PDB file of N, CA and C in Angstrom:
ATOM      1  N   UNK A   1       0.844  -1.182   0.000  1.00  0.00           N
ATOM      2  CA  UNK A   1       0.000   0.000   0.000  1.00  0.00           C
ATOM      3  C   UNK A   1       0.890   1.247   0.000  1.00  0.00           C
ATOM      4  N   UNK A   2       0.623   2.167  -0.913  1.00  0.00           N
ATOM      5  CA  UNK A   2       1.391   3.396  -0.998  1.00  0.00           C
ATOM      6  C   UNK A   2       1.146   4.239   0.249  1.00  0.00           C
ATOM      7  N   UNK A   3       2.217   4.896   0.714  1.00  0.00           N
ATOM      8  CA  UNK A   3       2.100   5.628   1.963  1.00  0.00           C
ATOM      9  C   UNK A   3       2.094   7.142   1.797  1.00  0.00           C
ATOM     10  N   UNK A   4       2.796   7.666   0.834  1.00  0.00           N
ATOM     11  CA  UNK A   4       2.831   9.116   0.689  1.00  0.00           C
ATOM     12  C   UNK A   4       1.830   9.570  -0.373  1.00  0.00           C
ATOM     13  N   UNK A   5       1.534  10.850  -0.345  1.00  0.00           N
ATOM     14  CA  UNK A   5       0.629  11.408  -1.355  1.00  0.00           C
ATOM     15  C   UNK A   5       1.212  11.201  -2.744  1.00  0.00           C
ATOM     16  N   UNK A   6       2.497  11.416  -2.900  1.00  0.00           N
ATOM     17  CA  UNK A   6       3.143  11.246  -4.205  1.00  0.00           C
ATOM     18  C   UNK A   6       3.018   9.798  -4.675  1.00  0.00           C
ATOM     19  N   UNK A   7       3.255   8.840  -3.788  1.00  0.00           N
ATOM     20  CA  UNK A   7       3.134   7.423  -4.154  1.00  0.00           C
ATOM     21  C   UNK A   7       1.697   7.074  -4.520  1.00  0.00           C
ATOM     22  N   UNK A   8       0.749   7.662  -3.806  1.00  0.00           N
ATOM     23  CA  UNK A   8      -0.658   7.383  -4.105  1.00  0.00           C
ATOM     24  C   UNK A   8      -1.058   7.949  -5.461  1.00  0.00           C
ATOM     25  N   UNK A   9      -0.589   9.147  -5.784  1.00  0.00           N
ATOM     26  CA  UNK A   9      -0.882   9.746  -7.100  1.00  0.00           C
ATOM     27  C   UNK A   9      -0.234   8.913  -8.203  1.00  0.00           C
ATOM     28  N   UNK A  10       1.053   8.619  -8.042  1.00  0.00           N
ATOM     29  CA  UNK A  10       1.791   7.904  -9.088  1.00  0.00           C
ATOM     30  C   UNK A  10       1.335   6.454  -9.228  1.00  0.00           C
ATOM     31  N   UNK A  11       0.768   5.892  -8.181  1.00  0.00           N
ATOM     32  CA  UNK A  11       0.329   4.509  -8.209  1.00  0.00           C
ATOM     33  C   UNK A  11      -1.061   4.289  -8.776  1.00  0.00           C
ATOM     34  N   UNK A  12      -1.777   5.359  -9.037  1.00  0.00           N
ATOM     35  CA  UNK A  12      -3.133   5.257  -9.563  1.00  0.00           C
ATOM     36  C   UNK A  12      -3.207   6.043 -10.873  1.00  0.00           C
ATOM     37  N   UNK A  13      -3.325   5.359 -12.016  1.00  0.00           N
ATOM     38  CA  UNK A  13      -3.323   6.062 -13.309  1.00  0.00           C
ATOM     39  C   UNK A  13      -4.386   7.163 -13.417  1.00  0.00           C
ATOM     40  N   UNK A  14      -5.577   6.932 -12.907  1.00  0.00           N
ATOM     41  CA  UNK A  14      -6.634   7.955 -12.988  1.00  0.00           C
ATOM     42  C   UNK A  14      -6.234   9.193 -12.187  1.00  0.00           C
ATOM     43  N   UNK A  15      -5.743   9.004 -10.979  1.00  0.00           N
ATOM     44  CA  UNK A  15      -5.313  10.131 -10.152  1.00  0.00           C
ATOM     45  C   UNK A  15      -4.155  10.882 -10.796  1.00  0.00           C
ATOM     46  N   UNK A  16      -3.223  10.150 -11.386  1.00  0.00           N
ATOM     47  CA  UNK A  16      -2.063  10.770 -12.023  1.00  0.00           C
ATOM     48  C   UNK A  16      -2.476  11.678 -13.177  1.00  0.00           C
ATOM     49  N   UNK A  17      -3.429  11.232 -13.984  1.00  0.00           N
ATOM     50  CA  UNK A  17      -3.904  12.034 -15.123  1.00  0.00           C
ATOM     51  C   UNK A  17      -4.603  13.297 -14.624  1.00  0.00           C
ATOM     52  N   UNK A  18      -5.426  13.171 -13.612  1.00  0.00           N
ATOM     53  CA  UNK A  18      -6.151  14.321 -13.066  1.00  0.00           C
ATOM     54  C   UNK A  18      -5.170  15.308 -12.443  1.00  0.00           C
ATOM     55  N   UNK A  19      -4.213  14.805 -11.679  1.00  0.00           N
ATOM     56  CA  UNK A  19      -3.217  15.664 -11.025  1.00  0.00           C
ATOM     57  C   UNK A  19      -2.422  16.442 -12.069  1.00  0.00           C
ATOM     58  N   UNK A  20      -1.970  15.771 -13.122  1.00  0.00           N
ATOM     59  CA  UNK A  20      -1.203  16.446 -14.171  1.00  0.00           C
ATOM     60  C   UNK A  20      -2.054  17.515 -14.850  1.00  0.00           C
ATOM     61  N   UNK A  21      -3.302  17.197 -15.152  1.00  0.00           N
ATOM     62  CA  UNK A  21      -4.192  18.179 -15.788  1.00  0.00           C
ATOM     63  C   UNK A  21      -4.390  19.391 -14.882  1.00  0.00           C
ATOM     64  N   UNK A  22      -4.555  19.150 -13.593  1.00  0.00           N
ATOM     65  CA  UNK A  22      -4.737  20.243 -12.646  1.00  0.00           C
ATOM     66  C   UNK A  22      -3.490  21.121 -12.599  1.00  0.00           C
ATOM     67  N   UNK A  23      -2.315  20.510 -12.540  1.00  0.00           N
ATOM     68  CA  UNK A  23      -1.062  21.275 -12.524  1.00  0.00           C
ATOM     69  C   UNK A  23      -0.886  22.063 -13.824  1.00  0.00           C
ATOM     70  N   UNK A  24      -1.271  21.481 -14.950  1.00  0.00           N
ATOM     71  CA  UNK A  24      -1.189  22.192 -16.233  1.00  0.00           C
ATOM     72  C   UNK A  24      -2.085  23.435 -16.228  1.00  0.00           C
ATOM     73  N   UNK A  25      -3.271  23.320 -15.631  1.00  0.00           N
ATOM     74  CA  UNK A  25      -4.183  24.465 -15.566  1.00  0.00           C
ATOM     75  C   UNK A  25      -3.682  25.531 -14.602  1.00  0.00           C
ATOM     76  N   UNK A  26      -2.932  25.136 -13.575  1.00  0.00           N
ATOM     77  CA  UNK A  26      -2.411  26.098 -12.603  1.00  0.00           C
ATOM     78  C   UNK A  26      -1.157  26.800 -13.096  1.00  0.00           C
ATOM     79  N   UNK A  27      -0.462  26.210 -14.062  1.00  0.00           N
ATOM     80  CA  UNK A  27       0.842  26.731 -14.479  1.00  0.00           C
ATOM     81  C   UNK A  27       0.831  28.199 -14.911  1.00  0.00           C
ATOM     82  N   UNK A  28      -0.231  28.745 -15.529  1.00  0.00           N
ATOM     83  CA  UNK A  28      -0.195  30.173 -15.886  1.00  0.00           C
ATOM     84  C   UNK A  28      -0.211  31.120 -14.674  1.00  0.00           C
ATOM     85  N   UNK A  29      -0.675  30.647 -13.528  1.00  0.00           N
ATOM     86  CA  UNK A  29      -0.692  31.484 -12.327  1.00  0.00           C
ATOM     87  C   UNK A  29       0.736  31.643 -11.807  1.00  0.00           C
ATOM     88  N   UNK A  30       1.018  32.780 -11.199  1.00  0.00           N
ATOM     89  CA  UNK A  30       2.378  33.060 -10.737  1.00  0.00           C
ATOM     90  C   UNK A  30       2.499  32.963  -9.222  1.00  0.00           C
ATOM     91  N   UNK A  31       3.692  32.573  -8.782  1.00  0.00           N
ATOM     92  CA  UNK A  31       4.045  32.672  -7.374  1.00  0.00           C
ATOM     93  C   UNK A  31       3.511  31.596  -6.454  1.00  0.00           C
ATOM     94  N   UNK A  32       3.037  30.495  -6.971  1.00  0.00           N
ATOM     95  CA  UNK A  32       2.528  29.434  -6.110  1.00  0.00           C
ATOM     96  C   UNK A  32       3.533  28.290  -6.050  1.00  0.00           C
ATOM     97  N   UNK A  33       3.387  27.476  -5.044  1.00  0.00           N
ATOM     98  CA  UNK A  33       4.237  26.299  -4.895  1.00  0.00           C
ATOM     99  C   UNK A  33       3.407  25.146  -4.357  1.00  0.00           C
ATOM    100  N   UNK A  34       3.856  23.942  -4.653  1.00  0.00           N
ATOM    101  CA  UNK A  34       3.204  22.737  -4.135  1.00  0.00           C
ATOM    102  C   UNK A  34       3.959  22.310  -2.887  1.00  0.00           C
ATOM    103  N   UNK A  35       3.249  22.179  -1.793  1.00  0.00           N
ATOM    104  CA  UNK A  35       3.814  21.701  -0.534  1.00  0.00           C
ATOM    105  C   UNK A  35       3.294  20.290  -0.319  1.00  0.00           C
ATOM    106  N   UNK A  36       4.211  19.336  -0.318  1.00  0.00           N
ATOM    107  CA  UNK A  36       3.816  17.940  -0.169  1.00  0.00           C
ATOM    108  C   UNK A  36       3.775  17.565   1.302  1.00  0.00           C
ATOM    109  N   UNK A  37       2.642  17.049   1.718  1.00  0.00           N
ATOM    110  CA  UNK A  37       2.473  16.543   3.078  1.00  0.00           C
ATOM    111  C   UNK A  37       2.409  15.016   3.009  1.00  0.00           C
ATOM    112  N   UNK A  38       2.251  14.375   4.123  1.00  0.00           N
ATOM    113  CA  UNK A  38       2.228  12.915   4.143  1.00  0.00           C
ATOM    114  C   UNK A  38       1.090  12.340   3.304  1.00  0.00           C
ATOM    115  N   UNK A  39      -0.090  12.931   3.400  1.00  0.00           N
ATOM    116  CA  UNK A  39      -1.248  12.346   2.717  1.00  0.00           C
ATOM    117  C   UNK A  39      -1.874  13.253   1.666  1.00  0.00           C
ATOM    118  N   UNK A  40      -1.314  14.451   1.460  1.00  0.00           N
ATOM    119  CA  UNK A  40      -1.919  15.390   0.518  1.00  0.00           C
ATOM    120  C   UNK A  40      -0.886  16.388   0.017  1.00  0.00           C
ATOM    121  N   UNK A  41      -1.343  17.230  -0.881  1.00  0.00           N
ATOM    122  CA  UNK A  41      -0.551  18.345  -1.380  1.00  0.00           C
ATOM    123  C   UNK A  41      -1.318  19.622  -1.086  1.00  0.00           C
ATOM    124  N   UNK A  42      -0.604  20.676  -0.746  1.00  0.00           N
ATOM    125  CA  UNK A  42      -1.208  21.994  -0.626  1.00  0.00           C
ATOM    126  C   UNK A  42      -0.574  22.871  -1.693  1.00  0.00           C
ATOM    127  N   UNK A  43      -1.413  23.598  -2.404  1.00  0.00           N
ATOM    128  CA  UNK A  43      -0.924  24.571  -3.361  1.00  0.00           C
ATOM    129  C   UNK A  43      -1.070  25.921  -2.671  1.00  0.00           C
ATOM    130  N   UNK A  44       0.066  26.614  -2.523  1.00  0.00           N
ATOM    131  CA  UNK A  44       0.076  27.815  -1.701  1.00  0.00           C
ATOM    132  C   UNK A  44       0.768  28.980  -2.395  1.00  0.00           C
ATOM    133  N   UNK A  45       0.293  30.147  -2.046  1.00  0.00           N
ATOM    134  CA  UNK A  45       0.948  31.402  -2.393  1.00  0.00           C
ATOM    135  C   UNK A  45       0.923  32.223  -1.105  1.00  0.00           C
ATOM    136  N   UNK A  46       1.914  31.958  -0.262  1.00  0.00           N
ATOM    137  CA  UNK A  46       1.906  32.510   1.087  1.00  0.00           C
ATOM    138  C   UNK A  46       1.139  31.600   2.023  1.00  0.00           C
ATOM    139  N   UNK A  47      -0.087  31.322   1.698  1.00  0.00           N
ATOM    140  CA  UNK A  47      -0.907  30.347   2.432  1.00  0.00           C
ATOM    141  C   UNK A  47      -1.620  29.473   1.408  1.00  0.00           C
ATOM    142  N   UNK A  48      -2.081  28.343   1.859  1.00  0.00           N
ATOM    143  CA  UNK A  48      -2.715  27.381   0.948  1.00  0.00           C
ATOM    144  C   UNK A  48      -4.057  27.908   0.447  1.00  0.00           C
ATOM    145  N   UNK A  49      -4.283  27.750  -0.839  1.00  0.00           N
ATOM    146  CA  UNK A  49      -5.579  28.078  -1.421  1.00  0.00           C
ATOM    147  C   UNK A  49      -6.230  26.858  -2.065  1.00  0.00           C
ATOM    148  N   UNK A  50      -5.463  25.756  -2.139  1.00  0.00           N
ATOM    149  CA  UNK A  50      -5.970  24.547  -2.774  1.00  0.00           C
ATOM    150  C   UNK A  50      -5.343  23.333  -2.104  1.00  0.00           C
ATOM    151  N   UNK A  51      -6.170  22.379  -1.718  1.00  0.00           N
ATOM    152  CA  UNK A  51      -5.691  21.107  -1.186  1.00  0.00           C
ATOM    153  C   UNK A  51      -5.981  20.011  -2.194  1.00  0.00           C
ATOM    154  N   UNK A  52      -5.033  19.107  -2.359  1.00  0.00           N
ATOM    155  CA  UNK A  52      -5.191  17.995  -3.294  1.00  0.00           C
ATOM    156  C   UNK A  52      -4.992  16.711  -2.504  1.00  0.00           C
ATOM    157  N   UNK A  53      -6.043  15.891  -2.451  1.00  0.00           N
ATOM    158  CA  UNK A  53      -6.030  14.672  -1.652  1.00  0.00           C
ATOM    159  C   UNK A  53      -6.265  13.471  -2.566  1.00  0.00           C
ATOM    160  N   UNK A  54      -5.250  12.644  -2.767  1.00  0.00           N
ATOM    161  CA  UNK A  54      -5.409  11.479  -3.647  1.00  0.00           C
ATOM    162  C   UNK A  54      -6.462  10.515  -3.128  1.00  0.00           C
ATOM    163  N   UNK A  55      -7.247  10.002  -4.045  1.00  0.00           N
ATOM    164  CA  UNK A  55      -8.233   8.959  -3.777  1.00  0.00           C
ATOM    165  C   UNK A  55      -8.083   7.915  -4.862  1.00  0.00           C
ATOM    166  N   UNK A  56      -8.464   6.715  -4.599  1.00  0.00           N
ATOM    167  CA  UNK A  56      -8.422   5.683  -5.629  1.00  0.00           C
ATOM    168  C   UNK A  56      -9.397   6.059  -6.738  1.00  0.00           C
ATOM    169  N   UNK A  57      -8.885   6.206  -7.945  1.00  0.00           N
ATOM    170  CA  UNK A  57      -9.726   6.532  -9.087  1.00  0.00           C
ATOM    171  C   UNK A  57     -10.059   8.004  -9.236  1.00  0.00           C
ATOM    172  N   UNK A  58      -9.443   8.870  -8.429  1.00  0.00           N
ATOM    173  CA  UNK A  58      -9.735  10.294  -8.529  1.00  0.00           C
ATOM    174  C   UNK A  58      -8.949  11.110  -7.527  1.00  0.00           C
ATOM    175  N   UNK A  59      -9.376  12.335  -7.381  1.00  0.00           N
ATOM    176  CA  UNK A  59      -8.733  13.265  -6.448  1.00  0.00           C
ATOM    177  C   UNK A  59      -9.821  14.084  -5.767  1.00  0.00           C
ATOM    178  N   UNK A  60      -9.671  14.289  -4.477  1.00  0.00           N
ATOM    179  CA  UNK A  60     -10.524  15.209  -3.746  1.00  0.00           C
ATOM    180  C   UNK A  60      -9.785  16.545  -3.714  1.00  0.00           C
ATOM    181  N   UNK A  61     -10.442  17.595  -4.197  1.00  0.00           N
ATOM    182  CA  UNK A  61      -9.848  18.928  -4.237  1.00  0.00           C
ATOM    183  C   UNK A  61     -10.578  19.809  -3.239  1.00  0.00           C
ATOM    184  N   UNK A  62      -9.803  20.519  -2.437  1.00  0.00           N
ATOM    185  CA  UNK A  62     -10.338  21.408  -1.415  1.00  0.00           C
ATOM    186  C   UNK A  62      -9.945  22.830  -1.791  1.00  0.00           C
ATOM    187  N   UNK A  63     -10.920  23.651  -2.143  1.00  0.00           N
ATOM    188  CA  UNK A  63     -10.673  25.041  -2.512  1.00  0.00           C
ATOM    189  C   UNK A  63     -10.990  25.915  -1.302  1.00  0.00           C
ATOM    190  N   UNK A  64     -10.012  26.696  -0.864  1.00  0.00           N
ATOM    191  CA  UNK A  64     -10.174  27.564   0.301  1.00  0.00           C
ATOM    192  C   UNK A  64     -10.669  28.926  -0.174  1.00  0.00           C
ATOM    193  N   UNK A  65     -11.860  29.286   0.285  1.00  0.00           N
ATOM    194  CA  UNK A  65     -12.478  30.557  -0.104  1.00  0.00           C
ATOM    195  C   UNK A  65     -13.001  31.287   1.134  1.00  0.00           C
ATOM    196  N   UNK A  66     -13.440  32.518   0.933  1.00  0.00           N
ATOM    197  CA  UNK A  66     -14.031  33.275   2.040  1.00  0.00           C
ATOM    198  C   UNK A  66     -15.553  33.135   2.065  1.00  0.00           C
ATOM    199  N   UNK A  67     -16.045  32.124   1.343  1.00  0.00           N
ATOM    200  CA  UNK A  67     -17.492  31.884   1.296  1.00  0.00           C
ATOM    201  C   UNK A  67     -17.752  30.406   1.028  1.00  0.00           C
ATOM    202  N   UNK A  68     -18.959  29.996   1.364  1.00  0.00           N
ATOM    203  CA  UNK A  68     -19.411  28.648   1.055  1.00  0.00           C
ATOM    204  C   UNK A  68     -19.961  28.651  -0.362  1.00  0.00           C
ATOM    205  N   UNK A  69     -19.536  27.688  -1.161  1.00  0.00           N
ATOM    206  CA  UNK A  69     -20.038  27.584  -2.524  1.00  0.00           C
ATOM    207  C   UNK A  69     -21.379  26.869  -2.539  1.00  0.00           C
ATOM    208  N   UNK A  70     -22.191  27.210  -3.513  1.00  0.00           N
ATOM    209  CA  UNK A  70     -23.469  26.558  -3.742  1.00  0.00           C
ATOM    210  C   UNK A  70     -23.384  25.890  -5.112  1.00  0.00           C
ATOM    211  N   UNK A  71     -23.325  24.576  -5.126  1.00  0.00           N
ATOM    212  CA  UNK A  71     -23.216  23.848  -6.385  1.00  0.00           C
ATOM    213  C   UNK A  71     -23.602  22.396  -6.151  1.00  0.00           C
ATOM    214  N   UNK A  72     -24.240  21.808  -7.145  1.00  0.00           N
ATOM    215  CA  UNK A  72     -24.553  20.388  -7.073  1.00  0.00           C
ATOM    216  C   UNK A  72     -23.281  19.546  -7.093  1.00  0.00           C
ATOM    217  N   UNK A  73     -22.219  20.096  -7.613  1.00  0.00           N
ATOM    218  CA  UNK A  73     -20.936  19.392  -7.695  1.00  0.00           C
ATOM    219  C   UNK A  73     -20.226  19.310  -6.343  1.00  0.00           C
ATOM    220  N   UNK A  74     -20.600  20.182  -5.432  1.00  0.00           N
ATOM    221  CA  UNK A  74     -19.936  20.280  -4.134  1.00  0.00           C
ATOM    222  C   UNK A  74     -20.114  18.993  -3.344  1.00  0.00           C
ATOM    223  N   UNK A  75     -19.019  18.421  -2.908  1.00  0.00           N
ATOM    224  CA  UNK A  75     -19.053  17.203  -2.096  1.00  0.00           C
ATOM    225  C   UNK A  75     -19.329  17.559  -0.638  1.00  0.00           C
ATOM    226  N   UNK A  76     -18.620  18.590  -0.163  1.00  0.00           N
ATOM    227  CA  UNK A  76     -18.752  18.996   1.233  1.00  0.00           C
ATOM    228  C   UNK A  76     -18.199  20.404   1.394  1.00  0.00           C
ATOM    229  N   UNK A  77     -18.722  21.138   2.352  1.00  0.00           N
ATOM    230  CA  UNK A  77     -18.227  22.471   2.652  1.00  0.00           C
ATOM    231  C   UNK A  77     -18.166  22.633   4.160  1.00  0.00           C
ATOM    232  N   UNK A  78     -17.011  23.101   4.650  1.00  0.00           N
ATOM    233  CA  UNK A  78     -16.824  23.290   6.088  1.00  0.00           C
ATOM    234  C   UNK A  78     -16.321  24.696   6.364  1.00  0.00           C
ATOM    235  N   UNK A  79     -16.921  25.334   7.337  1.00  0.00           N
ATOM    236  CA  UNK A  79     -16.426  26.635   7.791  1.00  0.00           C
ATOM    237  C   UNK A  79     -15.298  26.362   8.773  1.00  0.00           C
ATOM    238  N   UNK A  80     -14.095  26.874   8.465  1.00  0.00           N
ATOM    239  CA  UNK A  80     -12.937  26.605   9.317  1.00  0.00           C
ATOM    240  C   UNK A  80     -12.539  27.813  10.160  1.00  0.00           C
ATOM    241  N   UNK A  81     -13.044  28.990   9.813  1.00  0.00           N
ATOM    242  CA  UNK A  81     -12.842  30.187  10.624  1.00  0.00           C
ATOM    243  C   UNK A  81     -13.902  31.206  10.210  1.00  0.00           C
ATOM    244  N   UNK A  82     -13.854  32.374  10.788  1.00  0.00           N
ATOM    245  CA  UNK A  82     -14.867  33.389  10.500  1.00  0.00           C
ATOM    246  C   UNK A  82     -14.936  33.739   9.020  1.00  0.00           C
ATOM    247  N   UNK A  83     -13.802  33.722   8.349  1.00  0.00           N
ATOM    248  CA  UNK A  83     -13.761  34.146   6.946  1.00  0.00           C
ATOM    249  C   UNK A  83     -13.195  33.093   6.005  1.00  0.00           C
ATOM    250  N   UNK A  84     -13.181  31.837   6.400  1.00  0.00           N
ATOM    251  CA  UNK A  84     -12.616  30.799   5.536  1.00  0.00           C
ATOM    252  C   UNK A  84     -13.512  29.572   5.496  1.00  0.00           C
ATOM    253  N   UNK A  85     -13.721  29.109   4.275  1.00  0.00           N
ATOM    254  CA  UNK A  85     -14.481  27.894   4.023  1.00  0.00           C
ATOM    255  C   UNK A  85     -13.629  26.930   3.215  1.00  0.00           C
ATOM    256  N   UNK A  86     -13.699  25.661   3.533  1.00  0.00           N
ATOM    257  CA  UNK A  86     -13.113  24.607   2.712  1.00  0.00           C
ATOM    258  C   UNK A  86     -14.249  24.006   1.891  1.00  0.00           C
ATOM    259  N   UNK A  87     -14.147  24.138   0.580  1.00  0.00           N
ATOM    260  CA  UNK A  87     -15.156  23.637  -0.360  1.00  0.00           C
ATOM    261  C   UNK A  87     -14.546  22.461  -1.111  1.00  0.00           C
ATOM    262  N   UNK A  88     -15.093  21.273  -0.911  1.00  0.00           N
ATOM    263  CA  UNK A  88     -14.499  20.048  -1.449  1.00  0.00           C
ATOM    264  C   UNK A  88     -15.259  19.520  -2.665  1.00  0.00           C
ATOM    265  N   UNK A  89     -14.463  19.076  -3.629  1.00  0.00           N
ATOM    266  CA  UNK A  89     -14.990  18.479  -4.862  1.00  0.00           C
ATOM    267  C   UNK A  89     -14.240  17.191  -5.139  1.00  0.00           C
ATOM    268  N   UNK A  90     -14.928  16.197  -5.632  1.00  0.00           N
ATOM    269  CA  UNK A  90     -14.280  14.956  -6.043  1.00  0.00           C
ATOM    270  C   UNK A  90     -14.170  14.983  -7.562  1.00  0.00           C
ATOM    271  N   UNK A  91     -12.938  14.880  -8.044  1.00  0.00           N
ATOM    272  CA  UNK A  91     -12.668  14.875  -9.477  1.00  0.00           C
ATOM    273  C   UNK A  91     -12.378  13.444  -9.912  1.00  0.00           C
ATOM    274  N   UNK A  92     -13.188  12.936 -10.824  1.00  0.00           N
ATOM    275  CA  UNK A  92     -13.021  11.556 -11.290  1.00  0.00           C
ATOM    276  C   UNK A  92     -12.403  11.474 -12.684  1.00  0.00           C
ATOM    277  N   UNK A  93     -12.128  12.618 -13.272  1.00  0.00           N
ATOM    278  CA  UNK A  93     -11.487  12.658 -14.574  1.00  0.00           C
ATOM    279  C   UNK A  93     -11.043  14.068 -14.878  1.00  0.00           C
ATOM    280  N   UNK A  94     -10.117  14.234 -15.820  1.00  0.00           N
ATOM    281  CA  UNK A  94      -9.624  15.580 -16.139  1.00  0.00           C
ATOM    282  C   UNK A  94     -10.702  16.498 -16.695  1.00  0.00           C
ATOM    283  N   UNK A  95     -11.768  15.930 -17.258  1.00  0.00           N
ATOM    284  CA  UNK A  95     -12.857  16.760 -17.790  1.00  0.00           C
ATOM    285  C   UNK A  95     -13.594  17.515 -16.680  1.00  0.00           C
ATOM    286  N   UNK A  96     -13.435  17.086 -15.431  1.00  0.00           N
ATOM    287  CA  UNK A  96     -14.055  17.785 -14.298  1.00  0.00           C
ATOM    288  C   UNK A  96     -13.381  19.130 -14.020  1.00  0.00           C
ATOM    289  N   UNK A  97     -12.204  19.324 -14.587  1.00  0.00           N
ATOM    290  CA  UNK A  97     -11.484  20.587 -14.416  1.00  0.00           C
ATOM    291  C   UNK A  97     -11.961  21.527 -15.519  1.00  0.00           C
ATOM    292  N   UNK A  98     -13.120  22.103 -15.302  1.00  0.00           N
ATOM    293  CA  UNK A  98     -13.752  22.950 -16.306  1.00  0.00           C
ATOM    294  C   UNK A  98     -13.668  24.422 -15.888  1.00  0.00           C
ATOM    295  N   UNK A  99     -14.275  25.289 -16.674  1.00  0.00           N
ATOM    296  CA  UNK A  99     -14.212  26.729 -16.432  1.00  0.00           C
ATOM    297  C   UNK A  99     -14.776  27.097 -15.057  1.00  0.00           C
ATOM    298  N   UNK A 100     -15.834  26.434 -14.634  1.00  0.00           N
ATOM    299  CA  UNK A 100     -16.440  26.738 -13.332  1.00  0.00           C
ATOM    300  C   UNK A 100     -15.465  26.418 -12.202  1.00  0.00           C
ATOM    301  N   UNK A 101     -14.902  25.227 -12.214  1.00  0.00           N
ATOM    302  CA  UNK A 101     -13.957  24.832 -11.170  1.00  0.00           C
ATOM    303  C   UNK A 101     -12.730  25.737 -11.185  1.00  0.00           C
ATOM    304  N   UNK A 102     -12.217  26.036 -12.360  1.00  0.00           N
ATOM    305  CA  UNK A 102     -11.044  26.909 -12.467  1.00  0.00           C
ATOM    306  C   UNK A 102     -11.340  28.311 -11.956  1.00  0.00           C
ATOM    307  N   UNK A 103     -12.553  28.806 -12.175  1.00  0.00           N
ATOM    308  CA  UNK A 103     -12.922  30.126 -11.649  1.00  0.00           C
ATOM    309  C   UNK A 103     -12.871  30.126 -10.120  1.00  0.00           C
ATOM    310  N   UNK A 104     -13.348  29.056  -9.492  1.00  0.00           N
ATOM    311  CA  UNK A 104     -13.285  28.958  -8.036  1.00  0.00           C
ATOM    312  C   UNK A 104     -11.842  28.859  -7.553  1.00  0.00           C
ATOM    313  N   UNK A 105     -11.016  28.106  -8.263  1.00  0.00           N
ATOM    314  CA  UNK A 105      -9.593  27.994  -7.891  1.00  0.00           C
ATOM    315  C   UNK A 105      -8.922  29.359  -8.022  1.00  0.00           C
ATOM    316  N   UNK A 106      -9.206  30.089  -9.077  1.00  0.00           N
ATOM    317  CA  UNK A 106      -8.645  31.442  -9.252  1.00  0.00           C
ATOM    318  C   UNK A 106      -9.116  32.379  -8.164  1.00  0.00           C
ATOM    319  N   UNK A 107     -10.364  32.217  -7.736  1.00  0.00           N
ATOM    320  CA  UNK A 107     -10.888  33.036  -6.643  1.00  0.00           C
ATOM    321  C   UNK A 107     -10.088  32.788  -5.359  1.00  0.00           C
ATOM    322  N   UNK A 108      -9.819  31.527  -5.066  1.00  0.00           N
ATOM    323  CA  UNK A 108      -9.006  31.186  -3.902  1.00  0.00           C
ATOM    324  C   UNK A 108      -7.589  31.724  -4.031  1.00  0.00           C
ATOM    325  N   UNK A 109      -7.017  31.609  -5.213  1.00  0.00           N
ATOM    326  CA  UNK A 109      -5.672  32.126  -5.491  1.00  0.00           C
ATOM    327  C   UNK A 109      -5.644  33.648  -5.258  1.00  0.00           C
ATOM    328  N   UNK A 110      -6.639  34.345  -5.760  1.00  0.00           N
ATOM    329  CA  UNK A 110      -6.695  35.803  -5.601  1.00  0.00           C
ATOM    330  C   UNK A 110      -6.798  36.236  -4.146  1.00  0.00           C
ATOM    331  N   UNK A 111      -7.397  35.403  -3.312  1.00  0.00           N
ATOM    332  CA  UNK A 111      -7.508  35.748  -1.882  1.00  0.00           C
ATOM    333  C   UNK A 111      -6.162  35.702  -1.164  1.00  0.00           C
ATOM    334  N   UNK A 112      -5.165  35.063  -1.772  1.00  0.00           N
ATOM    335  CA  UNK A 112      -3.852  34.973  -1.130  1.00  0.00           C
ATOM    336  C   UNK A 112      -2.965  36.154  -1.474  1.00  0.00           C
ATOM    337  N   UNK A 113      -3.422  37.063  -2.325  1.00  0.00           N
ATOM    338  CA  UNK A 113      -2.600  38.210  -2.744  1.00  0.00           C
ATOM    339  C   UNK A 113      -2.437  39.220  -1.630  1.00  0.00           C
TER     340      UNK A 113
END
């Protein structure tokens, strides 16, 4: 059984394709870095605005915003402080990384400026 987030991504072809597509979409943004943790990745620009959690056959993405999102696609939303919400989505293929999801990711990125 893979133990690190990197091993879990690389060990699952579906997760690997989604992760690469997500990184390709993030590449035009400036000043961010991927912080690898034991079980996940955080994409940060000063502070994390995106969490990437490998799952078998997909990826759970956590977008940090100052509001709760309203969407049928939303898996879960948690208020973590007065002005921060974790909005979670399960991505089962690269096609899930569409204009709507990217707009939310950009919104989170902009909050770190």
